[in-house]
Every structure is written in structure tokens, then in C-alpha cells.
Amino acid sequence: MRRAFIIAPNIGVFFGGGGGVKVALHMALALLEHGFKVHLVALTGWDAVKLGKIHGINLSKFVREGRLVLNYAFRIKNDSKTLFSAISSPIIEMIEPSKTLLSLAIKYLSIYIKQLVREYLPDLVIFHDDVPKLDDKMFKHISKVVLYSHFPYAARSYFNIVDAVEVGLERYSDWRMRHYHNALKNIIYFNSIPKEVELVANSTVTKIFMEIIWRKKVKVLYPPILPKFNPTVNYKENSVVLVGGQPNKRVGDAIKALAKLKNLGKTVPKLHIVAYYFIPWYKDWLFNLTYRYGLQHSVYFIESIPESDLFNIYTTSKVILSTARFEPFGMSVAEGMFHYAIPIVYKGVLSGPWIDIIDKGKYGIGFKSIDELTENINYVINAGEDELTELQRKAFSGSQRFSLNLFKENFLKLVYCGTL
């Protein structure tokens, strides 16, 4: 039986929530369905039951059959709030004490991966985001090595990229962040990468940066959305959904847009803010902002819900919103579009939702300022029936480019043929 290793997103730290993990689990499922034995490799993570519940992917039967193995260096309880779980997602750069620990954790992970490779001799290894430094000779003994990046930390360090956060910028710019970036250069492949590693990006934005830093051709494989059923255009409430609990998602911009609608005497829709994890200090700031504008009856914070509940929110919402200035892809936007929510996204050169998902306005609406965002929300909420139907038709049509079947087809081409 062929054997595959899938290293967790964020350089292998954690198999938990987030879009990157969902993509990794879909890769695992595709390989399992084609006869592979799959090892999920990480410092730590949730068990198969919780992973399945959060991401809507049934993995437990493969664990029982012995075809899916969870190789976690450390075991934690599913509800654990350990520091490992805290540093596990895109919030890595936001939590002060974790920067040094992250460097040590990745060094340990490199040792752990080496041990597993020597023990199991996998046919396929898939890294996510970046590749931790290993003995380069090891790559020669693996039939296929792929790096699938949602956006490499190497690029963040190389270009000194700081997310356009709406609050807490000081957390990115002090000496500890510089030390963190310098440490990363020594523990991941930074401005060169072994020739055996095939490079694959999740989006056009990510591809551009990967090709610059590693000077190799990069393929693009869009993340999938998971259709649980054939969606219908059900009754849509005057509601907006935004997925994200970190300052780089700029959730406050959406709250400010609602405040402008309120001040103009316009219809104020419900705003559902959904995240598998909110950074505590940022959530407090959003709460305060909500109360300052008197919107506590219009803004709802929803944390760590099953995928089915999130899909229900999409189904009843008129708008799926992305306010981040820097967003390499934005899976939630495509998921919302599949459920006939109309996308309103930031219009920028580093906005994957604008470039890839709505194809620069072909399948949705872009904005550049809070005033323009306010106008666009008001336009959709008050659109007539025919106009709303046409906007929904375009959104759904655009979402079909990210279907699960198409993802599996292209992923398996990559595995077996090296082409997309």
C-alpha cells in the first residue's frame, strides 16, 4: 500500500480549525479513496471525530480501518487552550509569547518528521505553507514531495510583509517580531528550496510571491468548497456574514459600515461574524466598537461552530463579505457564493477574493473604502427581486470554479502526473 504524509498547515504546527486544515483533509480523503495509507503529521491536533465535526469530513472510519494515522508529537484534549493550540493558526504572529516558542516547535517538528520518514519511507510527502529544514538527502529517498502554500512565511519574512490590520499594529513592528523573522530564516527553506520539492500555490497572489522568492515555476490549485447538497435560493434575510477573528480580517470595517447605514437612516442588516477562534483582545475591541455605535442588537459573534451551522448562515444571508486588505484566497467567500450569498470584497492587488474568486467584478462586487462598502451593502440589501436573482446567479456560477470534484481531479493529476 502506498503511503503519504500530509504535514499540517502553518509549517506543521497544528491540525485544528481553519481553511488550510480543511484543504489538507480533503487531500487526505482523496488519497484514502485512491488506496493510500495517509499519515497526518503535526506537533499536535484534534482527533478525527472533532476534525470531522468542524470540517464536515468523515475520517473516523479510516482511522478504525488503520488507513489513517494521526502522527502528533504531542497529544492534547480537543478543548485544550494550550499554547500549542494558541499558536496554531494565522494568529501565530499576533501572540507575543509564542514567537520564540514557534521557532523551537518547528525545530522539534523537523526532527520528528525525519524520524517518521526513516521509519515509514513514504511515497508522497505534502508540506503546507513552508518546508521546515531537513537533511536535503532525505528528499532523494521520497518519490514525490509537494509544497502546497496558502502563503509562505518565507515570503512574509523576505518582503517584511505586515498585514494591514485595523488595530494592534504595534504587535507587528517591535524587536520581537524582527527576532521572530530572523529565527524563521534558520528553520525553514528561505530563499532557496530543494529541487525535488514541487511548488503549488492556492491562488494567484501566493503564486507571484512564491515564484519571486524561490525562482521556480509554481502551479495553482484552488482550494475546494464542499457542496453538502444542491443549494436552492431560499428566503434570504437582510443579513451579512463575515468569516474571521483576527485583526487582519478588518472586521471593524464591516461594523463601521453598518454604523454609517444607521446614521443615514437606512436598513441595518444583521452582521454574523464567524470564527473558529477569536483573538481575545481583538474580540474585546470589536465588542467595544459594536457598543460604541449602538449595534449590539445587529452584530452577532459566533465561535467554533460545525461546518453545517456555518452553511446554514450562508444560506440565509444576502451578502458574504471580505474586508481584509491582504487575503491570498478567501475560501469563505467561495462557500458563501455557492449558497447564493452575494460577495462584496476588498478591491486590491493583494486581494485573492477580488482577483481569483470574483474575477475582478465578474461574479461579485468590489469596494475600496468604507463609504463604498456601505453603499454596496445598501445596494444589495435593497435590490429588487429580479436584480437580486441576477446577482445570486452570477455568484453561484462563479463558485462552480472551486468545486470539490474539480479540486480532487486536479489534485490527483498533480499526484500522479505532476500536471494541473
Protein backbone atom coordinates (compact mmCIF):
# COMPACT_ATOMS: atom_id res chain seq x y z
CA MET A 1 0.00 0.00 0.00
CA ARG A 2 1.33 3.41 -0.95
CA ARG A 3 1.94 5.75 1.94
CA ALA A 4 1.52 9.53 2.11
CA PHE A 5 2.47 12.09 4.75
CA ILE A 6 0.45 15.30 4.97
CA ILE A 7 2.18 17.89 7.14
CA ALA A 8 -0.20 20.32 8.88
CA PRO A 9 -0.61 23.93 7.72
CA ASN A 10 1.39 26.72 9.36
CA ILE A 11 4.62 24.73 8.96
CA GLY A 12 3.19 21.66 10.65
CA VAL A 13 2.15 23.12 13.98
CA PHE A 14 -1.49 22.07 14.41
CA PHE A 15 -4.32 20.07 12.85
CA GLY A 16 -7.32 22.03 14.11
CA GLY A 17 -9.62 24.67 12.64
CA GLY A 18 -9.13 26.97 9.69
CA GLY A 19 -9.32 26.81 5.91
CA GLY A 20 -5.81 25.43 5.49
CA VAL A 21 -6.60 22.37 7.56
CA LYS A 22 -9.81 21.82 5.62
CA VAL A 23 -7.84 21.72 2.36
CA ALA A 24 -5.31 19.31 3.88
CA LEU A 25 -8.13 17.00 5.00
CA HIS A 26 -9.66 16.99 1.51
CA MET A 27 -6.25 15.98 0.16
CA ALA A 28 -6.14 13.19 2.73
CA LEU A 29 -9.61 11.99 1.77
CA ALA A 30 -8.77 11.97 -1.96
CA LEU A 31 -5.67 9.88 -1.30
CA LEU A 32 -7.53 7.48 1.01
CA GLU A 33 -10.17 6.95 -1.67
CA HIS A 34 -7.37 6.03 -4.11
CA GLY A 35 -5.76 3.39 -1.93
CA PHE A 36 -3.14 5.36 0.00
CA LYS A 37 -2.40 4.98 3.68
CA VAL A 38 -2.27 8.54 4.99
CA HIS A 39 -0.42 9.98 7.99
CA LEU A 40 -1.46 13.41 9.30
CA VAL A 41 1.73 14.81 10.80
CA ALA A 42 1.84 17.75 13.23
CA LEU A 43 3.12 18.85 16.58
CA THR A 44 -0.39 18.40 17.88
CA GLY A 45 -4.04 18.49 16.84
CA TRP A 46 -7.62 17.39 17.29
CA ASP A 47 -8.76 13.81 16.98
CA ALA A 48 -10.55 12.54 13.87
CA VAL A 49 -14.00 12.99 15.41
CA LYS A 50 -13.57 16.69 16.12
CA LEU A 51 -11.78 17.32 12.82
CA GLY A 52 -14.71 15.71 11.04
CA LYS A 53 -17.29 17.66 13.02
CA ILE A 54 -15.68 21.06 12.41
CA HIS A 55 -14.74 20.49 8.76
CA GLY A 56 -17.58 18.22 7.66
CA ILE A 57 -15.27 15.41 6.52
CA ASN A 58 -15.78 11.87 7.84
CA LEU A 59 -12.35 10.48 8.71
CA SER A 60 -13.17 8.25 11.67
CA LYS A 61 -13.86 5.13 9.59
CA PHE A 62 -10.39 5.33 8.03
CA VAL A 63 -8.85 5.58 11.50
CA ARG A 64 -10.75 2.46 12.54
CA GLU A 65 -9.55 0.67 9.41
CA GLY A 66 -5.95 1.63 10.20
CA ARG A 67 -5.58 3.54 6.92
CA LEU A 68 -5.45 7.00 8.51
CA VAL A 69 -2.84 7.61 11.22
CA LEU A 70 -2.60 10.75 13.35
CA ASN A 71 1.12 11.25 13.98
CA TYR A 72 1.07 14.04 16.57
CA ALA A 73 4.24 14.68 18.52
CA PHE A 74 2.12 15.89 21.45
CA ARG A 75 -1.44 14.94 22.35
CA ILE A 76 -3.92 17.49 23.69
CA LYS A 77 -7.57 17.40 24.61
CA ASN A 78 -9.94 18.73 21.97
CA ASP A 79 -10.94 21.66 24.16
CA SER A 80 -7.40 22.42 25.25
CA LYS A 81 -6.29 26.04 25.36
CA THR A 82 -2.59 25.18 25.48
CA LEU A 83 -0.06 27.47 23.92
CA PHE A 84 0.41 25.00 21.06
CA SER A 85 -3.24 25.43 20.12
CA ALA A 86 -2.90 29.18 20.51
CA ILE A 87 -0.04 29.42 18.01
CA SER A 88 -1.59 27.07 15.55
CA SER A 89 -3.31 29.29 13.01
CA PRO A 90 -2.79 32.53 11.13
CA ILE A 91 -2.79 34.16 14.55
CA ILE A 92 0.78 32.97 15.11
CA GLU A 93 2.15 36.45 14.59
CA MET A 94 -0.33 38.07 16.96
CA ILE A 95 0.51 36.35 20.22
CA GLU A 96 3.60 37.82 21.84
CA PRO A 97 4.96 34.88 23.89
CA SER A 98 4.61 32.39 21.02
CA LYS A 99 7.23 33.77 18.65
CA THR A 100 10.22 32.15 20.31
CA LEU A 101 8.25 29.02 21.11
CA LEU A 102 7.20 28.70 17.47
CA SER A 103 10.83 28.63 16.36
CA LEU A 104 11.63 25.89 18.87
CA ALA A 105 8.48 24.00 17.90
CA ILE A 106 9.40 23.96 14.20
CA LYS A 107 12.92 22.76 15.00
CA TYR A 108 11.41 19.93 17.01
CA LEU A 109 8.97 19.17 14.21
CA SER A 110 11.86 18.84 11.74
CA ILE A 111 13.42 16.17 13.95
CA TYR A 112 10.07 14.42 14.30
CA ILE A 113 9.49 14.38 10.52
CA LYS A 114 12.97 12.94 9.91
CA GLN A 115 12.23 10.11 12.35
CA LEU A 116 8.90 9.34 10.69
CA VAL A 117 10.38 9.38 7.18
CA ARG A 118 13.12 6.94 8.21
CA GLU A 119 10.57 4.68 9.90
CA TYR A 120 7.84 4.60 7.22
CA LEU A 121 9.59 5.58 3.94
CA PRO A 122 6.56 7.43 2.49
CA ASP A 123 5.95 7.57 -1.26
CA LEU A 124 4.47 11.08 -1.05
CA VAL A 125 5.01 13.98 1.35
CA ILE A 126 2.87 17.13 1.19
CA PHE A 127 4.01 20.16 3.17
CA HIS A 128 1.78 23.17 3.76
CA ASP A 129 2.81 26.83 3.65
CA ASP A 130 6.59 26.27 4.09
CA VAL A 131 9.05 23.40 4.35
CA PRO A 132 10.99 23.10 7.63
CA LYS A 133 14.70 22.49 7.07
CA LEU A 134 15.55 18.80 6.88
CA ASP A 135 18.55 16.83 5.72
CA ASP A 136 18.45 17.55 1.97
CA LYS A 137 19.46 13.94 1.26
CA MET A 138 16.11 12.80 2.67
CA PHE A 139 14.25 14.30 -0.28
CA LYS A 140 16.06 11.98 -2.67
CA HIS A 141 14.50 8.94 -0.96
CA ILE A 142 10.89 10.16 -1.32
CA SER A 143 9.20 9.57 -4.67
CA LYS A 144 7.30 12.86 -4.60
CA VAL A 145 7.49 15.96 -2.41
CA VAL A 146 4.97 18.79 -2.77
CA LEU A 147 4.70 22.14 -1.02
CA TYR A 148 1.14 23.47 -1.12
CA SER A 149 1.22 27.00 0.23
CA HIS A 150 -1.65 29.19 1.39
CA PHE A 151 1.02 31.88 1.72
CA PRO A 152 4.60 31.16 2.78
CA TYR A 153 6.07 32.59 5.96
CA ALA A 154 9.29 32.79 3.94
CA ALA A 155 7.63 35.46 1.78
CA ARG A 156 6.41 37.35 4.83
CA SER A 157 9.97 37.47 6.17
CA TYR A 158 11.66 38.11 2.80
CA PHE A 159 9.42 41.07 1.95
CA ASN A 160 8.80 42.14 5.57
CA ILE A 161 5.07 41.84 4.95
CA VAL A 162 2.88 43.27 7.69
CA ASP A 163 -0.85 42.66 7.40
CA ALA A 164 -3.00 45.76 7.05
CA VAL A 165 -4.53 45.34 10.49
CA GLU A 166 -7.06 47.84 11.76
CA VAL A 167 -5.78 47.76 15.34
CA GLY A 168 -2.73 46.40 17.17
CA LEU A 169 -0.09 47.33 14.59
CA GLU A 170 2.47 47.73 17.38
CA ARG A 171 2.34 43.97 17.89
CA TYR A 172 3.95 43.52 14.47
CA SER A 173 6.64 46.15 14.47
CA ASP A 174 8.77 45.74 17.60
CA TRP A 175 12.11 43.97 18.08
CA ARG A 176 10.40 40.70 18.98
CA MET A 177 8.86 40.47 15.53
CA ARG A 178 12.23 41.14 13.91
CA HIS A 179 13.76 38.40 16.06
CA TYR A 180 10.92 36.08 15.02
CA HIS A 181 11.54 36.68 11.31
CA ASN A 182 15.30 36.19 11.72
CA ALA A 183 14.69 32.93 13.56
CA LEU A 184 12.40 31.67 10.79
CA LYS A 185 15.17 32.12 8.22
CA ASN A 186 17.21 29.48 10.04
CA ILE A 187 14.50 26.84 10.38
CA ILE A 188 12.61 26.91 7.05
CA TYR A 189 13.82 26.93 3.46
CA PHE A 190 14.01 30.66 2.94
CA ASN A 191 15.38 31.94 -0.37
CA SER A 192 16.18 28.55 -1.83
CA ILE A 193 14.37 25.21 -1.69
CA PRO A 194 15.44 21.66 -2.66
CA LYS A 195 14.91 20.97 -6.36
CA GLU A 196 12.87 17.85 -5.51
CA VAL A 197 10.07 19.96 -3.99
CA GLU A 198 7.22 20.75 -6.39
CA LEU A 199 5.65 24.12 -5.66
CA VAL A 200 1.89 24.64 -5.69
CA ALA A 201 0.02 27.80 -4.64
CA ASN A 202 -3.56 28.27 -3.51
CA SER A 203 -4.03 31.48 -5.51
CA THR A 204 -2.60 33.95 -7.99
CA VAL A 205 -1.37 36.20 -5.18
CA THR A 206 0.50 33.36 -3.47
CA LYS A 207 1.95 32.12 -6.78
CA ILE A 208 3.52 35.51 -7.56
CA PHE A 209 5.34 35.70 -4.23
CA MET A 210 6.48 32.05 -4.35
CA GLU A 211 7.98 32.45 -7.80
CA ILE A 212 9.91 35.54 -6.72
CA ILE A 213 11.47 34.06 -3.58
CA TRP A 214 12.19 30.54 -4.87
CA ARG A 215 12.74 31.28 -8.58
CA LYS A 216 10.87 28.16 -9.67
CA LYS A 217 7.71 27.58 -11.63
CA VAL A 218 4.64 27.41 -9.39
CA LYS A 219 1.34 25.74 -10.23
CA VAL A 220 -2.02 26.98 -8.85
CA LEU A 221 -4.54 24.63 -7.26
CA TYR A 222 -7.54 26.48 -5.88
CA PRO A 223 -8.94 25.24 -2.54
CA PRO A 224 -12.29 23.43 -2.76
CA ILE A 225 -15.70 24.21 -1.40
CA LEU A 226 -17.73 21.28 -0.15
CA PRO A 227 -21.28 21.02 -1.52
CA LYS A 228 -23.33 19.15 1.08
CA PHE A 229 -26.43 19.39 -1.03
CA ASN A 230 -27.78 21.04 -4.14
CA PRO A 231 -28.38 24.57 -2.88
CA THR A 232 -31.59 26.39 -3.59
CA VAL A 233 -32.34 30.07 -3.40
CA ASN A 234 -34.18 30.05 -0.11
CA TYR A 235 -35.57 33.10 1.65
CA LYS A 236 -32.70 35.47 2.32
CA GLU A 237 -32.72 37.61 5.42
CA ASN A 238 -31.29 41.11 5.47
CA SER A 239 -28.05 39.73 6.85
CA VAL A 240 -24.35 39.76 6.10
CA VAL A 241 -21.81 37.09 7.05
CA LEU A 242 -18.06 37.64 7.53
CA VAL A 243 -15.68 34.83 8.50
CA GLY A 244 -12.58 35.73 10.52
CA GLY A 245 -11.46 36.51 14.05
CA GLN A 246 -8.10 38.23 13.56
CA PRO A 247 -7.22 41.94 13.11
CA ASN A 248 -6.00 41.37 9.55
CA LYS A 249 -9.59 40.46 8.61
CA ARG A 250 -10.59 44.06 9.45
CA VAL A 251 -13.96 43.07 10.89
CA GLY A 252 -14.27 46.57 12.35
CA ASP A 253 -14.67 47.98 8.84
CA ALA A 254 -17.89 46.00 8.47
CA ILE A 255 -19.16 47.29 11.83
CA LYS A 256 -18.33 50.85 10.78
CA ALA A 257 -20.24 50.37 7.52
CA LEU A 258 -23.31 49.28 9.50
CA ALA A 259 -22.92 52.35 11.69
CA LYS A 260 -22.96 54.56 8.59
CA LEU A 261 -26.14 52.86 7.39
CA LYS A 262 -27.69 53.52 10.80
CA ASN A 263 -26.70 57.19 10.74
CA LEU A 264 -28.13 57.57 7.21
CA GLY A 265 -31.45 56.09 8.32
CA LYS A 266 -31.02 53.07 6.01
CA THR A 267 -31.87 49.45 6.72
CA VAL A 268 -29.22 47.98 9.02
CA PRO A 269 -28.73 44.27 8.26
CA LYS A 270 -27.66 41.67 10.79
CA LEU A 271 -23.92 41.02 10.75
CA HIS A 272 -22.81 37.48 11.61
CA ILE A 273 -19.08 37.38 12.47
CA VAL A 274 -17.96 33.75 12.46
CA ALA A 275 -14.57 32.36 13.51
CA TYR A 276 -13.28 29.08 14.81
CA TYR A 277 -11.18 31.22 17.20
CA PHE A 278 -11.25 34.92 18.08
CA ILE A 279 -8.11 36.54 19.41
CA PRO A 280 -9.35 37.62 22.86
CA TRP A 281 -8.04 41.20 22.87
CA TYR A 282 -9.33 41.73 19.32
CA LYS A 283 -12.77 40.36 20.21
CA ASP A 284 -12.90 42.78 23.16
CA TRP A 285 -12.04 45.63 20.81
CA LEU A 286 -14.82 44.58 18.41
CA PHE A 287 -17.31 44.31 21.29
CA ASN A 288 -16.43 47.84 22.40
CA LEU A 289 -16.76 49.13 18.84
CA THR A 290 -20.16 47.46 18.47
CA TYR A 291 -21.48 49.03 21.69
CA ARG A 292 -19.98 52.43 20.87
CA TYR A 293 -22.10 52.52 17.70
CA GLY A 294 -25.17 51.07 19.42
CA LEU A 295 -25.20 48.00 17.19
CA GLN A 296 -25.30 45.31 19.87
CA HIS A 297 -28.64 44.06 18.52
CA SER A 298 -27.34 43.84 14.96
CA VAL A 299 -23.88 42.24 15.35
CA TYR A 300 -23.50 38.60 16.37
CA PHE A 301 -20.22 36.87 17.29
CA ILE A 302 -20.23 33.12 16.59
CA GLU A 303 -17.27 30.94 17.54
CA SER A 304 -16.15 27.38 16.71
CA ILE A 305 -19.32 26.07 15.12
CA PRO A 306 -19.72 22.94 12.96
CA GLU A 307 -19.47 23.47 9.23
CA SER A 308 -23.17 22.61 8.81
CA ASP A 309 -24.15 25.55 11.02
CA LEU A 310 -21.92 27.89 9.03
CA PHE A 311 -23.54 26.70 5.80
CA ASN A 312 -26.96 27.46 7.31
CA ILE A 313 -25.81 31.02 7.95
CA TYR A 314 -24.62 31.33 4.35
CA THR A 315 -27.96 30.02 3.13
CA THR A 316 -29.97 32.75 4.87
CA SER A 317 -27.56 35.64 4.23
CA LYS A 318 -27.76 38.02 1.30
CA VAL A 319 -24.08 39.01 1.47
CA ILE A 320 -20.77 37.22 2.06
CA LEU A 321 -18.20 39.85 2.99
CA SER A 322 -14.40 40.02 2.85
CA THR A 323 -12.86 43.20 4.23
CA ALA A 324 -9.22 42.05 4.52
CA ARG A 325 -6.73 44.14 2.55
CA PHE A 326 -4.31 41.23 2.20
CA GLU A 327 -6.05 37.89 1.63
CA PRO A 328 -4.32 35.35 -0.62
CA PHE A 329 -7.52 33.39 -1.34
CA GLY A 330 -10.58 33.56 0.95
CA MET A 331 -12.38 30.21 0.94
CA SER A 332 -15.37 31.51 2.90
CA VAL A 333 -16.23 33.87 0.03
CA ALA A 334 -16.47 30.97 -2.44
CA GLU A 335 -18.50 28.93 0.07
CA GLY A 336 -20.93 31.79 0.55
CA MET A 337 -21.31 32.23 -3.21
CA PHE A 338 -22.16 28.53 -3.55
CA HIS A 339 -25.07 29.20 -1.19
CA TYR A 340 -26.22 32.19 -3.28
CA ALA A 341 -24.78 34.87 -0.96
CA ILE A 342 -23.55 37.85 -2.97
CA PRO A 343 -19.84 38.59 -2.46
CA ILE A 344 -18.67 42.06 -1.54
CA VAL A 345 -14.88 42.04 -1.27
CA TYR A 346 -11.99 44.45 -0.94
CA LYS A 347 -10.73 45.51 -4.36
CA GLY A 348 -6.93 45.35 -4.28
CA VAL A 349 -3.85 43.82 -5.91
CA LEU A 350 -3.27 41.56 -2.87
CA SER A 351 -6.90 40.50 -2.54
CA GLY A 352 -7.46 36.93 -3.67
CA PRO A 353 -11.24 37.28 -3.31
CA TRP A 354 -11.12 40.14 -5.83
CA ILE A 355 -8.58 38.62 -8.25
CA ASP A 356 -9.44 34.92 -8.23
CA ILE A 357 -12.83 34.38 -6.62
CA ILE A 358 -14.98 37.13 -8.14
CA ASP A 359 -12.65 37.64 -11.12
CA LYS A 360 -12.31 41.41 -10.68
CA GLY A 361 -16.04 42.04 -10.54
CA LYS A 362 -17.37 39.39 -12.90
CA TYR A 363 -19.04 37.38 -10.12
CA GLY A 364 -19.45 39.95 -7.36
CA ILE A 365 -18.85 43.47 -6.12
CA GLY A 366 -15.65 45.23 -5.04
CA PHE A 367 -15.03 48.20 -2.75
CA LYS A 368 -12.06 50.41 -1.85
CA SER A 369 -13.34 52.47 1.08
CA ILE A 370 -15.77 52.13 3.99
CA ASP A 371 -18.10 54.60 2.22
CA GLU A 372 -18.11 52.40 -0.88
CA LEU A 373 -18.62 49.30 1.28
CA THR A 374 -21.61 50.99 2.92
CA GLU A 375 -23.11 51.84 -0.49
CA ASN A 376 -22.62 48.29 -1.76
CA ILE A 377 -24.24 46.66 1.27
CA ASN A 378 -27.18 49.05 0.98
CA TYR A 379 -27.47 48.29 -2.74
CA VAL A 380 -27.66 44.51 -2.23
CA ILE A 381 -29.95 44.64 0.82
CA ASN A 382 -32.44 46.81 -1.07
CA ALA A 383 -32.11 45.25 -4.53
CA GLY A 384 -35.33 44.33 -6.28
CA GLU A 385 -36.26 40.71 -6.83
CA ASP A 386 -35.04 40.48 -10.43
CA GLU A 387 -31.81 42.32 -9.70
CA LEU A 388 -31.13 40.19 -6.61
CA THR A 389 -31.76 36.99 -8.58
CA GLU A 390 -29.27 38.03 -11.25
CA LEU A 391 -26.61 38.87 -8.64
CA GLN A 392 -27.19 35.50 -6.98
CA ARG A 393 -26.97 33.68 -10.31
CA LYS A 394 -23.59 35.26 -11.02
CA ALA A 395 -22.32 34.42 -7.53
CA PHE A 396 -23.34 30.77 -7.77
CA SER A 397 -21.87 30.49 -11.28
CA GLY A 398 -18.54 31.83 -10.01
CA SER A 399 -18.44 29.34 -7.15
CA GLN A 400 -18.50 26.37 -9.54
CA ARG A 401 -14.86 27.02 -10.43
CA PHE A 402 -13.95 25.86 -6.91
CA SER A 403 -15.97 22.66 -6.73
CA LEU A 404 -14.74 19.73 -4.67
CA ASN A 405 -14.84 17.41 -7.68
CA LEU A 406 -12.65 19.74 -9.73
CA PHE A 407 -10.21 20.08 -6.81
CA LYS A 408 -9.92 16.29 -6.44
CA GLU A 409 -9.44 15.84 -10.18
CA ASN A 410 -6.64 18.41 -10.35
CA PHE A 411 -5.06 17.25 -7.09
CA LEU A 412 -4.84 13.64 -8.30
CA LYS A 413 -3.35 14.86 -11.63
CA LEU A 414 -0.68 16.59 -9.56
CA VAL A 415 0.00 13.45 -7.51
CA TYR A 416 0.16 11.01 -10.41
CA CYS A 417 1.30 13.14 -13.35
CA GLY A 418 2.79 16.31 -11.88
CA THR A 419 0.49 18.45 -14.02
CA LEU A 420 -2.57 20.63 -13.44
